[in-house]
Amino acid sequence: MTRADYPASTYAVLGLVDKVPDSSGYDLAAIADRSLQHFWPVSHTLMYRELKRLTDLGWVTSHRVEQVVAPDKSIYQITPEGRRALREWLHAEAPMGTTYRSAFLLRFFLAHAMHPERIAALLAQYRTALRVRLDALQAVADQLKDTPRARMARLSALHGIRTLTAQLDWVDEAEAELATQDGSGPASAASD
């Protein structure tokens, strides 16, 4: 397997180890939950699987730290080979196409089979979820505002904020269009 064959999640975890050295798998998973989850979710299971892969590749090292109150833990650091692999991956041409899955959009796309009231409720639930995510990202951006080393993380959060704001604008637009529907559209057919 060549470096290009590893999934982006491998490099996401490698980048986190580089960014936050001397962290345990648990700590890295918590950091991923606060940061990467907004655009590249990494589950706790995936985190540990990738840490094992990175250790096997020699891209990170780990050493056990004994703890008195809690179980012993492994602490990870990137190796020079891992740093080279990360830099090569970062400098390689990135595929600009993204895969985006949205359970909401799948349901909305198929909403021709729903009653108008249920469509309105679906849009309201989506708006609420978007606002929760927007508030969380705004808190992240605010927290990182005066931290020069976190400039890219703050700018990534701002990307998410702008995206969520556009999605909220779309919800307003969709609701307005559905409210003015003349009775011949697909939502009215579901109520027949």
C-alpha atoms as a PDB file:
ATOM      1  CA  MET A   1       0.000   0.000   0.000  1.00  0.00           C
ATOM      2  CA  THR A   2       1.418   3.408  -0.945  1.00  0.00           C
ATOM      3  CA  ARG A   3       0.924   6.605   1.014  1.00  0.00           C
ATOM      4  CA  ALA A   4      -1.670   7.726  -1.519  1.00  0.00           C
ATOM      5  CA  ASP A   5      -3.752   4.621  -0.778  1.00  0.00           C
ATOM      6  CA  TYR A   6      -4.435   5.492   2.864  1.00  0.00           C
ATOM      7  CA  PRO A   7      -7.762   7.155   3.582  1.00  0.00           C
ATOM      8  CA  ALA A   8      -7.948  10.823   4.490  1.00  0.00           C
ATOM      9  CA  SER A   9      -8.920   9.791   8.026  1.00  0.00           C
ATOM     10  CA  THR A  10      -5.429   8.350   8.469  1.00  0.00           C
ATOM     11  CA  TYR A  11      -3.974  11.765   7.717  1.00  0.00           C
ATOM     12  CA  ALA A  12      -6.591  13.530   9.829  1.00  0.00           C
ATOM     13  CA  VAL A  13      -5.446  11.549  12.871  1.00  0.00           C
ATOM     14  CA  LEU A  14      -1.787  11.959  11.922  1.00  0.00           C
ATOM     15  CA  GLY A  15      -2.325  15.711  11.664  1.00  0.00           C
ATOM     16  CA  LEU A  16      -3.963  15.785  15.091  1.00  0.00           C
ATOM     17  CA  VAL A  17      -1.016  13.925  16.638  1.00  0.00           C
ATOM     18  CA  ASP A  18       1.299  16.479  15.019  1.00  0.00           C
ATOM     19  CA  LYS A  19      -0.847  19.413  16.119  1.00  0.00           C
ATOM     20  CA  VAL A  20      -1.364  18.202  19.706  1.00  0.00           C
ATOM     21  CA  PRO A  21       1.649  16.032  20.625  1.00  0.00           C
ATOM     22  CA  ASP A  22       1.793  14.018  23.843  1.00  0.00           C
ATOM     23  CA  SER A  23      -1.939  13.355  23.754  1.00  0.00           C
ATOM     24  CA  SER A  24      -3.653  10.068  24.476  1.00  0.00           C
ATOM     25  CA  GLY A  25      -6.105   8.446  22.080  1.00  0.00           C
ATOM     26  CA  TYR A  26      -8.908   9.565  24.377  1.00  0.00           C
ATOM     27  CA  ASP A  27      -7.627  13.160  24.312  1.00  0.00           C
ATOM     28  CA  LEU A  28      -7.274  13.092  20.527  1.00  0.00           C
ATOM     29  CA  ALA A  29     -10.817  11.745  20.136  1.00  0.00           C
ATOM     30  CA  ALA A  30     -12.106  14.560  22.368  1.00  0.00           C
ATOM     31  CA  ILE A  31     -10.208  17.135  20.298  1.00  0.00           C
ATOM     32  CA  ALA A  32     -11.623  15.622  17.101  1.00  0.00           C
ATOM     33  CA  ASP A  33     -15.116  15.843  18.609  1.00  0.00           C
ATOM     34  CA  ARG A  34     -14.631  19.576  19.169  1.00  0.00           C
ATOM     35  CA  SER A  35     -12.993  20.354  15.851  1.00  0.00           C
ATOM     36  CA  LEU A  36     -12.919  17.820  13.014  1.00  0.00           C
ATOM     37  CA  GLN A  37     -16.463  16.610  13.635  1.00  0.00           C
ATOM     38  CA  HIS A  38     -17.797  19.735  11.939  1.00  0.00           C
ATOM     39  CA  PHE A  39     -16.331  18.694   8.594  1.00  0.00           C
ATOM     40  CA  TRP A  40     -14.585  15.308   8.938  1.00  0.00           C
ATOM     41  CA  PRO A  41     -16.077  13.164  11.715  1.00  0.00           C
ATOM     42  CA  VAL A  42     -13.699  10.669  13.329  1.00  0.00           C
ATOM     43  CA  SER A  43     -15.370   8.238  15.708  1.00  0.00           C
ATOM     44  CA  HIS A  44     -13.565   7.018  18.806  1.00  0.00           C
ATOM     45  CA  THR A  45     -13.309   3.560  17.243  1.00  0.00           C
ATOM     46  CA  LEU A  46     -11.805   4.996  14.065  1.00  0.00           C
ATOM     47  CA  MET A  47      -9.389   7.111  16.125  1.00  0.00           C
ATOM     48  CA  TYR A  48      -7.922   4.055  17.836  1.00  0.00           C
ATOM     49  CA  ARG A  49      -7.839   2.047  14.602  1.00  0.00           C
ATOM     50  CA  GLU A  50      -5.939   4.843  12.863  1.00  0.00           C
ATOM     51  CA  LEU A  51      -3.555   5.277  15.805  1.00  0.00           C
ATOM     52  CA  LYS A  52      -2.722   1.573  15.547  1.00  0.00           C
ATOM     53  CA  ARG A  53      -2.188   1.884  11.788  1.00  0.00           C
ATOM     54  CA  LEU A  54       0.025   4.951  12.270  1.00  0.00           C
ATOM     55  CA  THR A  55       2.063   3.169  14.942  1.00  0.00           C
ATOM     56  CA  ASP A  56       2.451   0.095  12.713  1.00  0.00           C
ATOM     57  CA  LEU A  57       3.606   2.356   9.864  1.00  0.00           C
ATOM     58  CA  GLY A  58       6.159   4.011  12.138  1.00  0.00           C
ATOM     59  CA  TRP A  59       4.531   7.409  11.582  1.00  0.00           C
ATOM     60  CA  VAL A  60       3.768   7.849  15.282  1.00  0.00           C
ATOM     61  CA  THR A  61       5.268   6.436  18.423  1.00  0.00           C
ATOM     62  CA  SER A  62       3.518   5.757  21.665  1.00  0.00           C
ATOM     63  CA  HIS A  63       4.662   5.262  25.198  1.00  0.00           C
ATOM     64  CA  ARG A  64       2.717   4.177  28.256  1.00  0.00           C
ATOM     65  CA  VAL A  65       2.124   6.633  31.042  1.00  0.00           C
ATOM     66  CA  GLU A  66       1.298   5.200  34.427  1.00  0.00           C
ATOM     67  CA  GLN A  67      -1.516   6.895  36.287  1.00  0.00           C
ATOM     68  CA  VAL A  68      -2.431   6.524  39.919  1.00  0.00           C
ATOM     69  CA  VAL A  69      -6.163   7.221  39.817  1.00  0.00           C
ATOM     70  CA  ALA A  70      -7.007   6.188  36.257  1.00  0.00           C
ATOM     71  CA  PRO A  71      -5.845   3.291  34.069  1.00  0.00           C
ATOM     72  CA  ASP A  72      -2.492   3.687  32.341  1.00  0.00           C
ATOM     73  CA  LYS A  73      -2.650   5.377  28.952  1.00  0.00           C
ATOM     74  CA  SER A  74      -0.621   5.645  25.764  1.00  0.00           C
ATOM     75  CA  ILE A  75       0.702   9.019  24.667  1.00  0.00           C
ATOM     76  CA  TYR A  76       1.388   9.611  20.966  1.00  0.00           C
ATOM     77  CA  GLN A  77       3.982  11.645  19.091  1.00  0.00           C
ATOM     78  CA  ILE A  78       4.619  12.002  15.382  1.00  0.00           C
ATOM     79  CA  THR A  79       7.897  10.650  14.007  1.00  0.00           C
ATOM     80  CA  PRO A  80      10.054  12.341  11.351  1.00  0.00           C
ATOM     81  CA  GLU A  81       8.731   9.766   8.841  1.00  0.00           C
ATOM     82  CA  GLY A  82       5.170  10.594   9.897  1.00  0.00           C
ATOM     83  CA  ARG A  83       5.826  14.305   9.482  1.00  0.00           C
ATOM     84  CA  ARG A  84       7.185  13.646   5.960  1.00  0.00           C
ATOM     85  CA  ALA A  85       4.103  11.561   5.118  1.00  0.00           C
ATOM     86  CA  LEU A  86       1.801  14.294   6.433  1.00  0.00           C
ATOM     87  CA  ARG A  87       3.603  17.011   4.470  1.00  0.00           C
ATOM     88  CA  GLU A  88       3.544  14.923   1.280  1.00  0.00           C
ATOM     89  CA  TRP A  89      -0.176  14.358   1.707  1.00  0.00           C
ATOM     90  CA  LEU A  90      -0.795  18.040   2.429  1.00  0.00           C
ATOM     91  CA  HIS A  91       1.203  19.114  -0.619  1.00  0.00           C
ATOM     92  CA  ALA A  92      -0.353  16.575  -2.988  1.00  0.00           C
ATOM     93  CA  GLU A  93      -3.149  17.756  -5.204  1.00  0.00           C
ATOM     94  CA  ALA A  94      -6.330  17.521  -3.190  1.00  0.00           C
ATOM     95  CA  PRO A  95      -9.514  16.219  -4.760  1.00  0.00           C
ATOM     96  CA  MET A  96     -11.924  19.135  -4.623  1.00  0.00           C
ATOM     97  CA  GLY A  97     -15.044  17.037  -4.935  1.00  0.00           C
ATOM     98  CA  THR A  98     -16.594  16.229  -1.624  1.00  0.00           C
ATOM     99  CA  THR A  99     -18.968  13.531  -0.608  1.00  0.00           C
ATOM    100  CA  TYR A 100     -21.779  14.934   1.422  1.00  0.00           C
ATOM    101  CA  ARG A 101     -24.456  12.839   3.044  1.00  0.00           C
ATOM    102  CA  SER A 102     -27.492  14.428   4.590  1.00  0.00           C
ATOM    103  CA  ALA A 103     -30.333  12.374   6.016  1.00  0.00           C
ATOM    104  CA  PHE A 104     -32.383  15.570   6.026  1.00  0.00           C
ATOM    105  CA  LEU A 105     -31.831  16.290   2.314  1.00  0.00           C
ATOM    106  CA  LEU A 106     -32.599  12.700   1.404  1.00  0.00           C
ATOM    107  CA  ARG A 107     -35.937  12.953   3.213  1.00  0.00           C
ATOM    108  CA  PHE A 108     -36.621  16.394   1.780  1.00  0.00           C
ATOM    109  CA  PHE A 109     -35.826  15.224  -1.749  1.00  0.00           C
ATOM    110  CA  LEU A 110     -38.405  12.461  -1.308  1.00  0.00           C
ATOM    111  CA  ALA A 111     -40.927  14.732   0.444  1.00  0.00           C
ATOM    112  CA  HIS A 112     -43.402  14.444  -2.408  1.00  0.00           C
ATOM    113  CA  ALA A 113     -44.818  11.563  -0.375  1.00  0.00           C
ATOM    114  CA  MET A 114     -45.231  13.651   2.805  1.00  0.00           C
ATOM    115  CA  HIS A 115     -48.047  15.854   4.069  1.00  0.00           C
ATOM    116  CA  PRO A 116     -47.293  19.608   4.047  1.00  0.00           C
ATOM    117  CA  GLU A 117     -47.436  19.752   7.869  1.00  0.00           C
ATOM    118  CA  ARG A 118     -44.781  17.051   8.107  1.00  0.00           C
ATOM    119  CA  ILE A 119     -42.583  18.896   5.598  1.00  0.00           C
ATOM    120  CA  ALA A 120     -42.908  22.055   7.707  1.00  0.00           C
ATOM    121  CA  ALA A 121     -41.937  20.071  10.818  1.00  0.00           C
ATOM    122  CA  LEU A 122     -38.960  18.552   8.984  1.00  0.00           C
ATOM    123  CA  LEU A 123     -37.746  22.030   7.990  1.00  0.00           C
ATOM    124  CA  ALA A 124     -38.229  23.291  11.557  1.00  0.00           C
ATOM    125  CA  GLN A 125     -36.196  20.387  12.963  1.00  0.00           C
ATOM    126  CA  TYR A 126     -33.471  21.052  10.414  1.00  0.00           C
ATOM    127  CA  ARG A 127     -33.381  24.758  11.321  1.00  0.00           C
ATOM    128  CA  THR A 128     -33.017  23.876  15.009  1.00  0.00           C
ATOM    129  CA  ALA A 129     -30.172  21.443  14.308  1.00  0.00           C
ATOM    130  CA  LEU A 130     -28.419  24.017  12.109  1.00  0.00           C
ATOM    131  CA  ARG A 131     -28.684  26.689  14.806  1.00  0.00           C
ATOM    132  CA  VAL A 132     -27.227  24.357  17.435  1.00  0.00           C
ATOM    133  CA  ARG A 133     -24.255  23.607  15.157  1.00  0.00           C
ATOM    134  CA  LEU A 134     -23.905  27.293  14.270  1.00  0.00           C
ATOM    135  CA  ASP A 135     -23.789  28.285  17.949  1.00  0.00           C
ATOM    136  CA  ALA A 136     -21.178  25.588  18.632  1.00  0.00           C
ATOM    137  CA  LEU A 137     -18.971  26.716  15.751  1.00  0.00           C
ATOM    138  CA  GLN A 138     -19.351  30.364  16.695  1.00  0.00           C
ATOM    139  CA  ALA A 139     -18.160  29.495  20.207  1.00  0.00           C
ATOM    140  CA  VAL A 140     -15.137  27.710  18.714  1.00  0.00           C
ATOM    141  CA  ALA A 141     -14.312  30.669  16.446  1.00  0.00           C
ATOM    142  CA  ASP A 142     -14.688  33.109  19.349  1.00  0.00           C
ATOM    143  CA  GLN A 143     -12.464  30.983  21.575  1.00  0.00           C
ATOM    144  CA  LEU A 144      -9.727  30.835  18.927  1.00  0.00           C
ATOM    145  CA  LYS A 145      -9.962  34.506  17.947  1.00  0.00           C
ATOM    146  CA  ASP A 146      -6.865  35.681  19.826  1.00  0.00           C
ATOM    147  CA  THR A 147      -4.772  32.534  19.365  1.00  0.00           C
ATOM    148  CA  PRO A 148      -2.328  33.049  16.467  1.00  0.00           C
ATOM    149  CA  ARG A 149      -1.327  29.346  16.362  1.00  0.00           C
ATOM    150  CA  ALA A 150      -4.988  28.443  15.834  1.00  0.00           C
ATOM    151  CA  ARG A 151      -5.533  30.683  12.813  1.00  0.00           C
ATOM    152  CA  MET A 152      -6.316  27.803  10.425  1.00  0.00           C
ATOM    153  CA  ALA A 153      -8.648  26.172  12.951  1.00  0.00           C
ATOM    154  CA  ARG A 154     -10.504  29.484  13.405  1.00  0.00           C
ATOM    155  CA  LEU A 155     -10.748  29.985   9.657  1.00  0.00           C
ATOM    156  CA  SER A 156     -12.062  26.420   9.295  1.00  0.00           C
ATOM    157  CA  ALA A 157     -14.710  27.236  11.904  1.00  0.00           C
ATOM    158  CA  LEU A 158     -15.599  30.389   9.948  1.00  0.00           C
ATOM    159  CA  HIS A 159     -16.077  28.257   6.824  1.00  0.00           C
ATOM    160  CA  GLY A 160     -18.543  26.153   8.772  1.00  0.00           C
ATOM    161  CA  ILE A 161     -20.291  29.275  10.089  1.00  0.00           C
ATOM    162  CA  ARG A 162     -20.710  30.663   6.574  1.00  0.00           C
ATOM    163  CA  THR A 163     -21.962  27.296   5.298  1.00  0.00           C
ATOM    164  CA  LEU A 164     -24.477  26.942   8.125  1.00  0.00           C
ATOM    165  CA  THR A 165     -25.659  30.521   7.609  1.00  0.00           C
ATOM    166  CA  ALA A 166     -26.276  29.743   3.932  1.00  0.00           C
ATOM    167  CA  GLN A 167     -28.165  26.571   4.907  1.00  0.00           C
ATOM    168  CA  LEU A 168     -30.356  28.595   7.294  1.00  0.00           C
ATOM    169  CA  ASP A 169     -31.043  31.081   4.481  1.00  0.00           C
ATOM    170  CA  TRP A 170     -32.064  28.135   2.290  1.00  0.00           C
ATOM    171  CA  VAL A 171     -34.523  26.947   4.964  1.00  0.00           C
ATOM    172  CA  ASP A 172     -36.126  30.420   4.936  1.00  0.00           C
ATOM    173  CA  GLU A 173     -36.301  30.304   1.140  1.00  0.00           C
ATOM    174  CA  ALA A 174     -37.783  26.790   1.085  1.00  0.00           C
ATOM    175  CA  GLU A 175     -40.408  27.694   3.684  1.00  0.00           C
ATOM    176  CA  ALA A 176     -41.363  30.840   1.766  1.00  0.00           C
ATOM    177  CA  GLU A 177     -41.691  28.948  -1.497  1.00  0.00           C
ATOM    178  CA  LEU A 178     -43.751  26.173   0.083  1.00  0.00           C
ATOM    179  CA  ALA A 179     -45.994  28.722   1.832  1.00  0.00           C
ATOM    180  CA  THR A 180     -46.829  30.416  -1.470  1.00  0.00           C
ATOM    181  CA  GLN A 181     -47.409  27.190  -3.347  1.00  0.00           C
ATOM    182  CA  ASP A 182     -50.508  27.481  -5.509  1.00  0.00           C
ATOM    183  CA  GLY A 183     -51.803  24.000  -4.774  1.00  0.00           C
ATOM    184  CA  SER A 184     -50.353  22.355  -7.861  1.00  0.00           C
ATOM    185  CA  GLY A 185     -46.976  21.434  -6.366  1.00  0.00           C
ATOM    186  CA  PRO A 186     -45.822  18.130  -4.975  1.00  0.00           C
ATOM    187  CA  ALA A 187     -46.499  18.966  -1.310  1.00  0.00           C
ATOM    188  CA  SER A 188     -50.181  19.513  -1.990  1.00  0.00           C
ATOM    189  CA  ALA A 189     -50.389  16.183  -3.820  1.00  0.00           C
ATOM    190  CA  ALA A 190     -49.345  14.377  -0.631  1.00  0.00           C
ATOM    191  CA  SER A 191     -52.393  15.730   1.157  1.00  0.00           C
ATOM    192  CA  ASP A 192     -54.816  14.426  -1.493  1.00  0.00           C
END
